[in-house]
PDB file of all heavy atoms in Angstrom:
ATOM      1  N   ALA A   1       0.846  -1.197   0.000  1.00  0.00           N
ATOM      2  CA  ALA A   1       0.000   0.000   0.000  1.00  0.00           C
ATOM      3  C   ALA A   1       0.877   1.241   0.000  1.00  0.00           C
ATOM      4  O   ALA A   1       2.075   1.181   0.326  1.00  0.00           O
ATOM      5  CB  ALA A   1      -0.908   0.015   1.233  1.00  0.00           C
ATOM      6  N   THR A   2       0.259   2.376  -0.358  1.00  0.00           N
ATOM      7  CA  THR A   2       0.911   3.681  -0.233  1.00  0.00           C
ATOM      8  C   THR A   2      -0.061   4.629   0.453  1.00  0.00           C
ATOM      9  O   THR A   2      -1.272   4.416   0.433  1.00  0.00           O
ATOM     10  CB  THR A   2       1.304   4.270  -1.604  1.00  0.00           C
ATOM     11  OG1 THR A   2       0.119   4.616  -2.329  1.00  0.00           O
ATOM     12  CG2 THR A   2       2.126   3.281  -2.418  1.00  0.00           C
ATOM     13  N   SER A   3       0.491   5.672   1.067  1.00  0.00           N
ATOM     14  CA  SER A   3      -0.378   6.679   1.693  1.00  0.00           C
ATOM     15  C   SER A   3       0.341   8.013   1.760  1.00  0.00           C
ATOM     16  O   SER A   3       1.542   8.071   2.048  1.00  0.00           O
ATOM     17  CB  SER A   3      -0.781   6.240   3.099  1.00  0.00           C
ATOM     18  OG  SER A   3      -1.588   7.242   3.723  1.00  0.00           O
ATOM     19  N   THR A   4      -0.399   9.084   1.477  1.00  0.00           N
ATOM     20  CA  THR A   4       0.131  10.437   1.661  1.00  0.00           C
ATOM     21  C   THR A   4      -0.241  10.988   3.032  1.00  0.00           C
ATOM     22  O   THR A   4       0.165  12.096   3.380  1.00  0.00           O
ATOM     23  CB  THR A   4      -0.415  11.386   0.573  1.00  0.00           C
ATOM     24  OG1 THR A   4      -1.843  11.356   0.606  1.00  0.00           O
ATOM     25  CG2 THR A   4       0.082  10.974  -0.813  1.00  0.00           C
ATOM     26  N   ASN A   5      -1.002  10.222   3.793  1.00  0.00           N
ATOM     27  CA  ASN A   5      -1.454  10.651   5.120  1.00  0.00           C
ATOM     28  C   ASN A   5      -0.772   9.797   6.192  1.00  0.00           C
ATOM     29  O   ASN A   5      -0.991   8.586   6.252  1.00  0.00           O
ATOM     30  CB  ASN A   5      -2.973  10.505   5.224  1.00  0.00           C
ATOM     31  CG  ASN A   5      -3.524  11.057   6.520  1.00  0.00           C
ATOM     32  OD1 ASN A   5      -3.059  10.717   7.596  1.00  0.00           O
ATOM     33  ND2 ASN A   5      -4.518  11.917   6.420  1.00  0.00           N
ATOM     34  N   PRO A   6       0.061  10.388   7.045  1.00  0.00           N
ATOM     35  CA  PRO A   6       0.785   9.589   8.039  1.00  0.00           C
ATOM     36  C   PRO A   6      -0.114   8.871   9.034  1.00  0.00           C
ATOM     37  O   PRO A   6       0.217   7.774   9.488  1.00  0.00           O
ATOM     38  CB  PRO A   6       1.684  10.620   8.744  1.00  0.00           C
ATOM     39  CG  PRO A   6       1.104  11.948   8.422  1.00  0.00           C
ATOM     40  CD  PRO A   6       0.438  11.809   7.101  1.00  0.00           C
ATOM     41  N   ILE A   7      -1.262   9.464   9.353  1.00  0.00           N
ATOM     42  CA  ILE A   7      -2.182   8.815  10.308  1.00  0.00           C
ATOM     43  C   ILE A   7      -2.782   7.560   9.669  1.00  0.00           C
ATOM     44  O   ILE A   7      -2.865   6.503  10.294  1.00  0.00           O
ATOM     45  CB  ILE A   7      -3.277   9.798  10.752  1.00  0.00           C
ATOM     46  CG1 ILE A   7      -2.640  10.974  11.502  1.00  0.00           C
ATOM     47  CG2 ILE A   7      -4.297   9.094  11.645  1.00  0.00           C
ATOM     48  CD1 ILE A   7      -3.599  12.098  11.832  1.00  0.00           C
ATOM     49  N   THR A   8      -3.185   7.682   8.406  1.00  0.00           N
ATOM     50  CA  THR A   8      -3.648   6.503   7.676  1.00  0.00           C
ATOM     51  C   THR A   8      -2.531   5.478   7.565  1.00  0.00           C
ATOM     52  O   THR A   8      -2.760   4.266   7.666  1.00  0.00           O
ATOM     53  CB  THR A   8      -4.129   6.896   6.269  1.00  0.00           C
ATOM     54  OG1 THR A   8      -5.171   7.849   6.381  1.00  0.00           O
ATOM     55  CG2 THR A   8      -4.622   5.679   5.497  1.00  0.00           C
ATOM     56  N   GLY A   9      -1.311   5.979   7.374  1.00  0.00           N
ATOM     57  CA  GLY A   9      -0.156   5.087   7.265  1.00  0.00           C
ATOM     58  C   GLY A   9       0.052   4.247   8.512  1.00  0.00           C
ATOM     59  O   GLY A   9       0.375   3.049   8.428  1.00  0.00           O
ATOM     60  N   ILE A  10      -0.153   4.841   9.680  1.00  0.00           N
ATOM     61  CA  ILE A  10      -0.021   4.097  10.936  1.00  0.00           C
ATOM     62  C   ILE A  10      -1.029   2.956  10.983  1.00  0.00           C
ATOM     63  O   ILE A  10      -0.697   1.822  11.364  1.00  0.00           O
ATOM     64  CB  ILE A  10      -0.208   5.040  12.139  1.00  0.00           C
ATOM     65  CG1 ILE A  10       0.973   6.003  12.243  1.00  0.00           C
ATOM     66  CG2 ILE A  10      -0.337   4.233  13.448  1.00  0.00           C
ATOM     67  CD1 ILE A  10       0.774   7.101  13.263  1.00  0.00           C
ATOM     68  N   ASP A  11      -2.258   3.258  10.580  1.00  0.00           N
ATOM     69  CA  ASP A  11      -3.301   2.227  10.567  1.00  0.00           C
ATOM     70  C   ASP A  11      -2.930   1.100   9.597  1.00  0.00           C
ATOM     71  O   ASP A  11      -3.104  -0.086   9.905  1.00  0.00           O
ATOM     72  CB  ASP A  11      -4.635   2.849  10.160  1.00  0.00           C
ATOM     73  CG  ASP A  11      -5.757   1.815  10.112  1.00  0.00           C
ATOM     74  OD1 ASP A  11      -6.027   1.174  11.144  1.00  0.00           O
ATOM     75  OD2 ASP A  11      -6.355   1.642   9.035  1.00  0.00           O
ATOM     76  N   LEU A  12      -2.393   1.450   8.433  1.00  0.00           N
ATOM     77  CA  LEU A  12      -1.991   0.440   7.454  1.00  0.00           C
ATOM     78  C   LEU A  12      -0.867  -0.442   7.992  1.00  0.00           C
ATOM     79  O   LEU A  12      -0.863  -1.661   7.804  1.00  0.00           O
ATOM     80  CB  LEU A  12      -1.548   1.124   6.155  1.00  0.00           C
ATOM     81  CG  LEU A  12      -2.648   1.764   5.316  1.00  0.00           C
ATOM     82  CD1 LEU A  12      -2.047   2.620   4.214  1.00  0.00           C
ATOM     83  CD2 LEU A  12      -3.556   0.704   4.730  1.00  0.00           C
ATOM     84  N   ILE A  13       0.098   0.165   8.658  1.00  0.00           N
ATOM     85  CA  ILE A  13       1.208  -0.604   9.234  1.00  0.00           C
ATOM     86  C   ILE A  13       0.693  -1.567  10.293  1.00  0.00           C
ATOM     87  O   ILE A  13       1.064  -2.747  10.332  1.00  0.00           O
ATOM     88  CB  ILE A  13       2.277   0.336   9.828  1.00  0.00           C
ATOM     89  CG1 ILE A  13       2.994   1.107   8.725  1.00  0.00           C
ATOM     90  CG2 ILE A  13       3.300  -0.460  10.651  1.00  0.00           C
ATOM     91  CD1 ILE A  13       3.914   2.196   9.224  1.00  0.00           C
ATOM     92  N   ASN A  14      -0.165  -1.073  11.167  1.00  0.00           N
ATOM     93  CA  ASN A  14      -0.689  -1.923  12.242  1.00  0.00           C
ATOM     94  C   ASN A  14      -1.550  -3.065  11.704  1.00  0.00           C
ATOM     95  O   ASN A  14      -1.577  -4.155  12.289  1.00  0.00           O
ATOM     96  CB  ASN A  14      -1.498  -1.079  13.232  1.00  0.00           C
ATOM     97  CG  ASN A  14      -0.619  -0.199  14.099  1.00  0.00           C
ATOM     98  OD1 ASN A  14       0.532  -0.550  14.363  1.00  0.00           O
ATOM     99  ND2 ASN A  14      -1.132   0.930  14.532  1.00  0.00           N
ATOM    100  N   ARG A  15      -2.253  -2.821  10.593  1.00  0.00           N
ATOM    101  CA  ARG A  15      -3.128  -3.857  10.029  1.00  0.00           C
ATOM    102  C   ARG A  15      -2.347  -4.895   9.231  1.00  0.00           C
ATOM    103  O   ARG A  15      -2.584  -6.095   9.360  1.00  0.00           O
ATOM    104  CB  ARG A  15      -4.200  -3.215   9.139  1.00  0.00           C
ATOM    105  CG  ARG A  15      -5.417  -2.751   9.911  1.00  0.00           C
ATOM    106  CD  ARG A  15      -6.579  -2.490   8.982  1.00  0.00           C
ATOM    107  NE  ARG A  15      -6.400  -1.242   8.240  1.00  0.00           N
ATOM    108  CZ  ARG A  15      -6.586  -1.119   6.942  1.00  0.00           C
ATOM    109  NH1 ARG A  15      -6.918  -2.159   6.213  1.00  0.00           N
ATOM    110  NH2 ARG A  15      -6.433   0.045   6.346  1.00  0.00           N
ATOM    111  N   HIS A  16      -1.400  -4.435   8.415  1.00  0.00           N
ATOM    112  CA  HIS A  16      -0.726  -5.343   7.486  1.00  0.00           C
ATOM    113  C   HIS A  16       0.637  -5.832   7.976  1.00  0.00           C
ATOM    114  O   HIS A  16       1.145  -6.835   7.483  1.00  0.00           O
ATOM    115  CB  HIS A  16      -0.556  -4.660   6.128  1.00  0.00           C
ATOM    116  CG  HIS A  16      -1.844  -4.332   5.462  1.00  0.00           C
ATOM    117  ND1 HIS A  16      -2.651  -5.291   4.887  1.00  0.00           N
ATOM    118  CD2 HIS A  16      -2.489  -3.142   5.281  1.00  0.00           C
ATOM    119  CE1 HIS A  16      -3.722  -4.713   4.369  1.00  0.00           C
ATOM    120  NE2 HIS A  16      -3.657  -3.409   4.604  1.00  0.00           N
ATOM    121  N   LYS A  17       1.253  -5.103   8.935  1.00  0.00           N
ATOM    122  CA  LYS A  17       2.569  -5.460   9.478  1.00  0.00           C
ATOM    123  C   LYS A  17       3.562  -5.814   8.371  1.00  0.00           C
ATOM    124  O   LYS A  17       4.070  -6.936   8.288  1.00  0.00           O
ATOM    125  CB  LYS A  17       2.437  -6.612  10.483  1.00  0.00           C
ATOM    126  CG  LYS A  17       1.643  -6.223  11.725  1.00  0.00           C
ATOM    127  CD  LYS A  17       1.557  -7.348  12.724  1.00  0.00           C
ATOM    128  CE  LYS A  17       0.933  -6.881  14.028  1.00  0.00           C
ATOM    129  NZ  LYS A  17      -0.387  -6.252  13.857  1.00  0.00           N
ATOM    130  N   PRO A  18       3.861  -4.869   7.499  1.00  0.00           N
ATOM    131  CA  PRO A  18       4.785  -5.139   6.390  1.00  0.00           C
ATOM    132  C   PRO A  18       6.210  -5.373   6.899  1.00  0.00           C
ATOM    133  O   PRO A  18       6.584  -4.906   7.982  1.00  0.00           O
ATOM    134  CB  PRO A  18       4.715  -3.852   5.566  1.00  0.00           C
ATOM    135  CG  PRO A  18       4.361  -2.794   6.567  1.00  0.00           C
ATOM    136  CD  PRO A  18       3.427  -3.457   7.532  1.00  0.00           C
ATOM    137  N   ASP A  19       6.988  -6.097   6.113  1.00  0.00           N
ATOM    138  CA  ASP A  19       8.398  -6.300   6.469  1.00  0.00           C
ATOM    139  C   ASP A  19       9.185  -5.004   6.388  1.00  0.00           C
ATOM    140  O   ASP A  19      10.150  -4.812   7.124  1.00  0.00           O
ATOM    141  CB  ASP A  19       9.040  -7.323   5.524  1.00  0.00           C
ATOM    142  CG  ASP A  19       8.558  -8.734   5.780  1.00  0.00           C
ATOM    143  OD1 ASP A  19       8.329  -9.064   6.958  1.00  0.00           O
ATOM    144  OD2 ASP A  19       8.414  -9.500   4.820  1.00  0.00           O
ATOM    145  N   LEU A  20       8.773  -4.117   5.474  1.00  0.00           N
ATOM    146  CA  LEU A  20       9.575  -2.926   5.200  1.00  0.00           C
ATOM    147  C   LEU A  20       8.674  -1.747   4.836  1.00  0.00           C
ATOM    148  O   LEU A  20       7.710  -1.907   4.084  1.00  0.00           O
ATOM    149  CB  LEU A  20      10.539  -3.218   4.035  1.00  0.00           C
ATOM    150  CG  LEU A  20      11.502  -2.113   3.615  1.00  0.00           C
ATOM    151  CD1 LEU A  20      12.467  -1.765   4.744  1.00  0.00           C
ATOM    152  CD2 LEU A  20      12.276  -2.541   2.374  1.00  0.00           C
ATOM    153  N   VAL A  21       9.000  -0.570   5.384  1.00  0.00           N
ATOM    154  CA  VAL A  21       8.275   0.663   5.051  1.00  0.00           C
ATOM    155  C   VAL A  21       9.276   1.722   4.600  1.00  0.00           C
ATOM    156  O   VAL A  21      10.282   1.959   5.273  1.00  0.00           O
ATOM    157  CB  VAL A  21       7.479   1.201   6.266  1.00  0.00           C
ATOM    158  CG1 VAL A  21       6.848   2.554   5.927  1.00  0.00           C
ATOM    159  CG2 VAL A  21       6.404   0.213   6.698  1.00  0.00           C
ATOM    160  N   PHE A  22       9.004   2.336   3.444  1.00  0.00           N
ATOM    161  CA  PHE A  22       9.739   3.526   3.014  1.00  0.00           C
ATOM    162  C   PHE A  22       8.966   4.719   3.572  1.00  0.00           C
ATOM    163  O   PHE A  22       7.801   4.937   3.223  1.00  0.00           O
ATOM    164  CB  PHE A  22       9.830   3.590   1.492  1.00  0.00           C
ATOM    165  CG  PHE A  22      10.647   2.484   0.905  1.00  0.00           C
ATOM    166  CD1 PHE A  22      10.035   1.311   0.489  1.00  0.00           C
ATOM    167  CD2 PHE A  22      12.021   2.601   0.791  1.00  0.00           C
ATOM    168  CE1 PHE A  22      10.785   0.273  -0.045  1.00  0.00           C
ATOM    169  CE2 PHE A  22      12.775   1.574   0.272  1.00  0.00           C
ATOM    170  CZ  PHE A  22      12.164   0.407  -0.152  1.00  0.00           C
ATOM    171  N   LEU A  23       9.627   5.496   4.426  1.00  0.00           N
ATOM    172  CA  LEU A  23       8.911   6.474   5.249  1.00  0.00           C
ATOM    173  C   LEU A  23       9.563   7.852   5.157  1.00  0.00           C
ATOM    174  O   LEU A  23      10.757   8.010   5.447  1.00  0.00           O
ATOM    175  CB  LEU A  23       8.916   5.983   6.702  1.00  0.00           C
ATOM    176  CG  LEU A  23       8.194   6.803   7.765  1.00  0.00           C
ATOM    177  CD1 LEU A  23       6.725   6.968   7.437  1.00  0.00           C
ATOM    178  CD2 LEU A  23       8.353   6.123   9.135  1.00  0.00           C
ATOM    179  N   ASP A  24       8.777   8.829   4.745  1.00  0.00           N
ATOM    180  CA  ASP A  24       9.244  10.216   4.739  1.00  0.00           C
ATOM    181  C   ASP A  24       9.381  10.700   6.180  1.00  0.00           C
ATOM    182  O   ASP A  24       8.640  10.265   7.068  1.00  0.00           O
ATOM    183  CB  ASP A  24       8.232  11.085   3.979  1.00  0.00           C
ATOM    184  CG  ASP A  24       8.726  12.509   3.776  1.00  0.00           C
ATOM    185  OD1 ASP A  24       9.951  12.738   3.869  1.00  0.00           O
ATOM    186  OD2 ASP A  24       7.891  13.394   3.522  1.00  0.00           O
ATOM    187  N   ILE A  25      10.319  11.592   6.423  1.00  0.00           N
ATOM    188  CA  ILE A  25      10.492  12.106   7.789  1.00  0.00           C
ATOM    189  C   ILE A  25       9.688  13.383   7.998  1.00  0.00           C
ATOM    190  O   ILE A  25       8.921  13.503   8.948  1.00  0.00           O
ATOM    191  CB  ILE A  25      11.983  12.358   8.095  1.00  0.00           C
ATOM    192  CG1 ILE A  25      12.717  11.021   8.264  1.00  0.00           C
ATOM    193  CG2 ILE A  25      12.136  13.191   9.373  1.00  0.00           C
ATOM    194  CD1 ILE A  25      14.144  11.152   8.721  1.00  0.00           C
ATOM    195  N   GLN A  26       9.843  14.333   7.104  1.00  0.00           N
ATOM    196  CA  GLN A  26       9.229  15.648   7.307  1.00  0.00           C
ATOM    197  C   GLN A  26       7.847  15.689   6.673  1.00  0.00           C
ATOM    198  O   GLN A  26       7.700  15.895   5.470  1.00  0.00           O
ATOM    199  CB  GLN A  26      10.131  16.728   6.696  1.00  0.00           C
ATOM    200  CG  GLN A  26       9.778  18.145   7.105  1.00  0.00           C
ATOM    201  CD  GLN A  26      10.292  18.508   8.483  1.00  0.00           C
ATOM    202  OE1 GLN A  26      10.578  17.648   9.286  1.00  0.00           O
ATOM    203  NE2 GLN A  26      10.408  19.792   8.759  1.00  0.00           N
ATOM    204  N   MET A  27       6.787  15.483   7.490  1.00  0.00           N
ATOM    205  CA  MET A  27       5.405  15.557   7.019  1.00  0.00           C
ATOM    206  C   MET A  27       4.620  16.498   7.919  1.00  0.00           C
ATOM    207  O   MET A  27       5.035  16.758   9.046  1.00  0.00           O
ATOM    208  CB  MET A  27       4.785  14.156   6.993  1.00  0.00           C
ATOM    209  CG  MET A  27       5.425  13.230   5.976  1.00  0.00           C
ATOM    210  SD  MET A  27       4.665  11.580   5.909  1.00  0.00           S
ATOM    211  CE  MET A  27       5.395  10.814   7.358  1.00  0.00           C
ATOM    212  N   GLU A  28       3.483  16.986   7.434  1.00  0.00           N
ATOM    213  CA  GLU A  28       2.771  18.039   8.164  1.00  0.00           C
ATOM    214  C   GLU A  28       2.161  17.543   9.466  1.00  0.00           C
ATOM    215  O   GLU A  28       2.353  18.138  10.520  1.00  0.00           O
ATOM    216  CB  GLU A  28       1.687  18.643   7.269  1.00  0.00           C
ATOM    217  CG  GLU A  28       2.243  19.518   6.161  1.00  0.00           C
ATOM    218  CD  GLU A  28       1.153  20.266   5.438  1.00  0.00           C
ATOM    219  OE1 GLU A  28       0.007  20.236   5.922  1.00  0.00           O
ATOM    220  OE2 GLU A  28       1.434  20.892   4.406  1.00  0.00           O
ATOM    221  N   GLU A  29       1.380  16.455   9.422  1.00  0.00           N
ATOM    222  CA  GLU A  29       0.671  16.011  10.626  1.00  0.00           C
ATOM    223  C   GLU A  29       1.618  15.481  11.705  1.00  0.00           C
ATOM    224  O   GLU A  29       1.454  15.752  12.888  1.00  0.00           O
ATOM    225  CB  GLU A  29      -0.361  14.931  10.284  1.00  0.00           C
ATOM    226  CG  GLU A  29      -1.579  15.429   9.547  1.00  0.00           C
ATOM    227  CD  GLU A  29      -1.361  15.492   8.056  1.00  0.00           C
ATOM    228  OE1 GLU A  29      -0.216  15.232   7.618  1.00  0.00           O
ATOM    229  OE2 GLU A  29      -2.325  15.795   7.340  1.00  0.00           O
ATOM    230  N   MET A  30       2.596  14.688  11.288  1.00  0.00           N
ATOM    231  CA  MET A  30       3.587  14.155  12.221  1.00  0.00           C
ATOM    232  C   MET A  30       4.802  13.697  11.434  1.00  0.00           C
ATOM    233  O   MET A  30       4.721  13.433  10.234  1.00  0.00           O
ATOM    234  CB  MET A  30       3.026  13.004  13.058  1.00  0.00           C
ATOM    235  CG  MET A  30       2.597  11.781  12.264  1.00  0.00           C
ATOM    236  SD  MET A  30       2.032  10.424  13.327  1.00  0.00           S
ATOM    237  CE  MET A  30       0.618  11.190  14.115  1.00  0.00           C
ATOM    238  N   SER A  31       5.935  13.591  12.105  1.00  0.00           N
ATOM    239  CA  SER A  31       7.162  13.191  11.419  1.00  0.00           C
ATOM    240  C   SER A  31       7.226  11.676  11.281  1.00  0.00           C
ATOM    241  O   SER A  31       6.534  10.928  11.985  1.00  0.00           O
ATOM    242  CB  SER A  31       8.387  13.685  12.196  1.00  0.00           C
ATOM    243  OG  SER A  31       8.561  12.922  13.382  1.00  0.00           O
ATOM    244  N   GLY A  32       8.075  11.227  10.377  1.00  0.00           N
ATOM    245  CA  GLY A  32       8.297   9.799  10.227  1.00  0.00           C
ATOM    246  C   GLY A  32       8.845   9.178  11.494  1.00  0.00           C
ATOM    247  O   GLY A  32       8.535   8.028  11.819  1.00  0.00           O
ATOM    248  N   ILE A  33       9.652   9.920  12.237  1.00  0.00           N
ATOM    249  CA  ILE A  33      10.184   9.412  13.507  1.00  0.00           C
ATOM    250  C   ILE A  33       9.057   9.226  14.518  1.00  0.00           C
ATOM    251  O   ILE A  33       9.030   8.244  15.265  1.00  0.00           O
ATOM    252  CB  ILE A  33      11.281  10.356  14.044  1.00  0.00           C
ATOM    253  CG1 ILE A  33      12.529  10.258  13.153  1.00  0.00           C
ATOM    254  CG2 ILE A  33      11.649  10.002  15.497  1.00  0.00           C
ATOM    255  CD1 ILE A  33      13.631  11.207  13.500  1.00  0.00           C
ATOM    256  N   ASP A  34       8.087  10.152  14.521  1.00  0.00           N
ATOM    257  CA  ASP A  34       6.917   9.984  15.391  1.00  0.00           C
ATOM    258  C   ASP A  34       6.160   8.704  15.039  1.00  0.00           C
ATOM    259  O   ASP A  34       5.706   7.970  15.927  1.00  0.00           O
ATOM    260  CB  ASP A  34       5.967  11.185  15.256  1.00  0.00           C
ATOM    261  CG  ASP A  34       6.543  12.455  15.867  1.00  0.00           C
ATOM    262  OD1 ASP A  34       7.351  12.328  16.811  1.00  0.00           O
ATOM    263  OD2 ASP A  34       6.189  13.550  15.396  1.00  0.00           O
ATOM    264  N   ILE A  35       6.029   8.443  13.743  1.00  0.00           N
ATOM    265  CA  ILE A  35       5.338   7.223  13.310  1.00  0.00           C
ATOM    266  C   ILE A  35       6.089   5.993  13.804  1.00  0.00           C
ATOM    267  O   ILE A  35       5.479   5.041  14.317  1.00  0.00           O
ATOM    268  CB  ILE A  35       5.207   7.194  11.771  1.00  0.00           C
ATOM    269  CG1 ILE A  35       4.244   8.286  11.310  1.00  0.00           C
ATOM    270  CG2 ILE A  35       4.736   5.820  11.295  1.00  0.00           C
ATOM    271  CD1 ILE A  35       4.134   8.407   9.800  1.00  0.00           C
ATOM    272  N   LEU A  36       7.402   6.003  13.652  1.00  0.00           N
ATOM    273  CA  LEU A  36       8.200   4.846  14.082  1.00  0.00           C
ATOM    274  C   LEU A  36       8.073   4.611  15.580  1.00  0.00           C
ATOM    275  O   LEU A  36       8.016   3.457  16.040  1.00  0.00           O
ATOM    276  CB  LEU A  36       9.666   5.056  13.691  1.00  0.00           C
ATOM    277  CG  LEU A  36      10.615   3.882  13.911  1.00  0.00           C
ATOM    278  CD1 LEU A  36      10.082   2.627  13.243  1.00  0.00           C
ATOM    279  CD2 LEU A  36      11.997   4.213  13.387  1.00  0.00           C
ATOM    280  N   LYS A  37       7.989   5.687  16.366  1.00  0.00           N
ATOM    281  CA  LYS A  37       7.791   5.546  17.811  1.00  0.00           C
ATOM    282  C   LYS A  37       6.465   4.861  18.118  1.00  0.00           C
ATOM    283  O   LYS A  37       6.372   4.052  19.044  1.00  0.00           O
ATOM    284  CB  LYS A  37       7.819   6.924  18.494  1.00  0.00           C
ATOM    285  CG  LYS A  37       9.178   7.594  18.555  1.00  0.00           C
ATOM    286  CD  LYS A  37       9.036   8.967  19.212  1.00  0.00           C
ATOM    287  CE  LYS A  37      10.338   9.734  19.208  1.00  0.00           C
ATOM    288  NZ  LYS A  37      10.183  11.079  19.799  1.00  0.00           N
ATOM    289  N   ILE A  38       5.446   5.175  17.315  1.00  0.00           N
ATOM    290  CA  ILE A  38       4.107   4.636  17.567  1.00  0.00           C
ATOM    291  C   ILE A  38       4.005   3.173  17.165  1.00  0.00           C
ATOM    292  O   ILE A  38       3.480   2.342  17.904  1.00  0.00           O
ATOM    293  CB  ILE A  38       3.043   5.471  16.824  1.00  0.00           C
ATOM    294  CG1 ILE A  38       2.960   6.881  17.437  1.00  0.00           C
ATOM    295  CG2 ILE A  38       1.677   4.791  16.882  1.00  0.00           C
ATOM    296  CD1 ILE A  38       2.147   7.852  16.614  1.00  0.00           C
ATOM    297  N   VAL A  39       4.530   2.818  15.996  1.00  0.00           N
ATOM    298  CA  VAL A  39       4.359   1.442  15.498  1.00  0.00           C
ATOM    299  C   VAL A  39       5.356   0.474  16.114  1.00  0.00           C
ATOM    300  O   VAL A  39       5.193  -0.742  16.025  1.00  0.00           O
ATOM    301  CB  VAL A  39       4.448   1.381  13.959  1.00  0.00           C
ATOM    302  CG1 VAL A  39       3.380   2.244  13.327  1.00  0.00           C
ATOM    303  CG2 VAL A  39       5.840   1.782  13.457  1.00  0.00           C
ATOM    304  N   GLY A  40       6.404   1.000  16.745  1.00  0.00           N
ATOM    305  CA  GLY A  40       7.361   0.138  17.450  1.00  0.00           C
ATOM    306  C   GLY A  40       8.089  -0.794  16.512  1.00  0.00           C
ATOM    307  O   GLY A  40       8.527  -0.394  15.431  1.00  0.00           O
ATOM    308  N   ASN A  41       8.209  -2.064  16.907  1.00  0.00           N
ATOM    309  CA  ASN A  41       9.033  -3.001  16.156  1.00  0.00           C
ATOM    310  C   ASN A  41       8.236  -3.856  15.175  1.00  0.00           C
ATOM    311  O   ASN A  41       8.642  -4.951  14.825  1.00  0.00           O
ATOM    312  CB  ASN A  41       9.811  -3.905  17.124  1.00  0.00           C
ATOM    313  CG  ASN A  41       8.892  -4.704  18.036  1.00  0.00           C
ATOM    314  OD1 ASN A  41       7.677  -4.702  17.868  1.00  0.00           O
ATOM    315  ND2 ASN A  41       9.476  -5.380  19.018  1.00  0.00           N
ATOM    316  N   HIS A  42       7.096  -3.364  14.716  1.00  0.00           N
ATOM    317  CA  HIS A  42       6.286  -4.117  13.756  1.00  0.00           C
ATOM    318  C   HIS A  42       6.986  -4.271  12.422  1.00  0.00           C
ATOM    319  O   HIS A  42       6.683  -5.189  11.663  1.00  0.00           O
ATOM    320  CB  HIS A  42       4.941  -3.420  13.514  1.00  0.00           C
ATOM    321  CG  HIS A  42       3.992  -3.567  14.664  1.00  0.00           C
ATOM    322  ND1 HIS A  42       2.734  -2.986  14.672  1.00  0.00           N
ATOM    323  CD2 HIS A  42       4.108  -4.228  15.827  1.00  0.00           C
ATOM    324  CE1 HIS A  42       2.128  -3.278  15.809  1.00  0.00           C
ATOM    325  NE2 HIS A  42       2.944  -4.020  16.519  1.00  0.00           N
ATOM    326  N   THR A  43       7.889  -3.361  12.088  1.00  0.00           N
ATOM    327  CA  THR A  43       8.410  -3.315  10.732  1.00  0.00           C
ATOM    328  C   THR A  43       9.804  -2.706  10.706  1.00  0.00           C
ATOM    329  O   THR A  43      10.225  -2.031  11.648  1.00  0.00           O
ATOM    330  CB  THR A  43       7.476  -2.476   9.837  1.00  0.00           C
ATOM    331  OG1 THR A  43       7.944  -2.531   8.497  1.00  0.00           O
ATOM    332  CG2 THR A  43       7.421  -1.032  10.287  1.00  0.00           C
ATOM    333  N   ARG A  44      10.524  -2.959   9.618  1.00  0.00           N
ATOM    334  CA  ARG A  44      11.782  -2.264   9.339  1.00  0.00           C
ATOM    335  C   ARG A  44      11.474  -1.001   8.543  1.00  0.00           C
ATOM    336  O   ARG A  44      10.518  -0.971   7.756  1.00  0.00           O
ATOM    337  CB  ARG A  44      12.722  -3.160   8.536  1.00  0.00           C
ATOM    338  CG  ARG A  44      13.096  -4.445   9.242  1.00  0.00           C
ATOM    339  CD  ARG A  44      13.957  -4.156  10.435  1.00  0.00           C
ATOM    340  NE  ARG A  44      14.192  -5.347  11.218  1.00  0.00           N
ATOM    341  CZ  ARG A  44      14.688  -5.356  12.443  1.00  0.00           C
ATOM    342  NH1 ARG A  44      14.966  -4.207  13.044  1.00  0.00           N
ATOM    343  NH2 ARG A  44      14.892  -6.478  13.081  1.00  0.00           N
TER     344      ARG A  44
END
């Protein structure tokens, strides 16, 4: 999947638990680092 919305992206990661995510850091709603803190060790 792809998403331009980081909040939607978090939901996608939690649902699908992909092996790998290509993640932008500087986004408006939250940073990629914030996303990584939330999803924890679900993915690389």
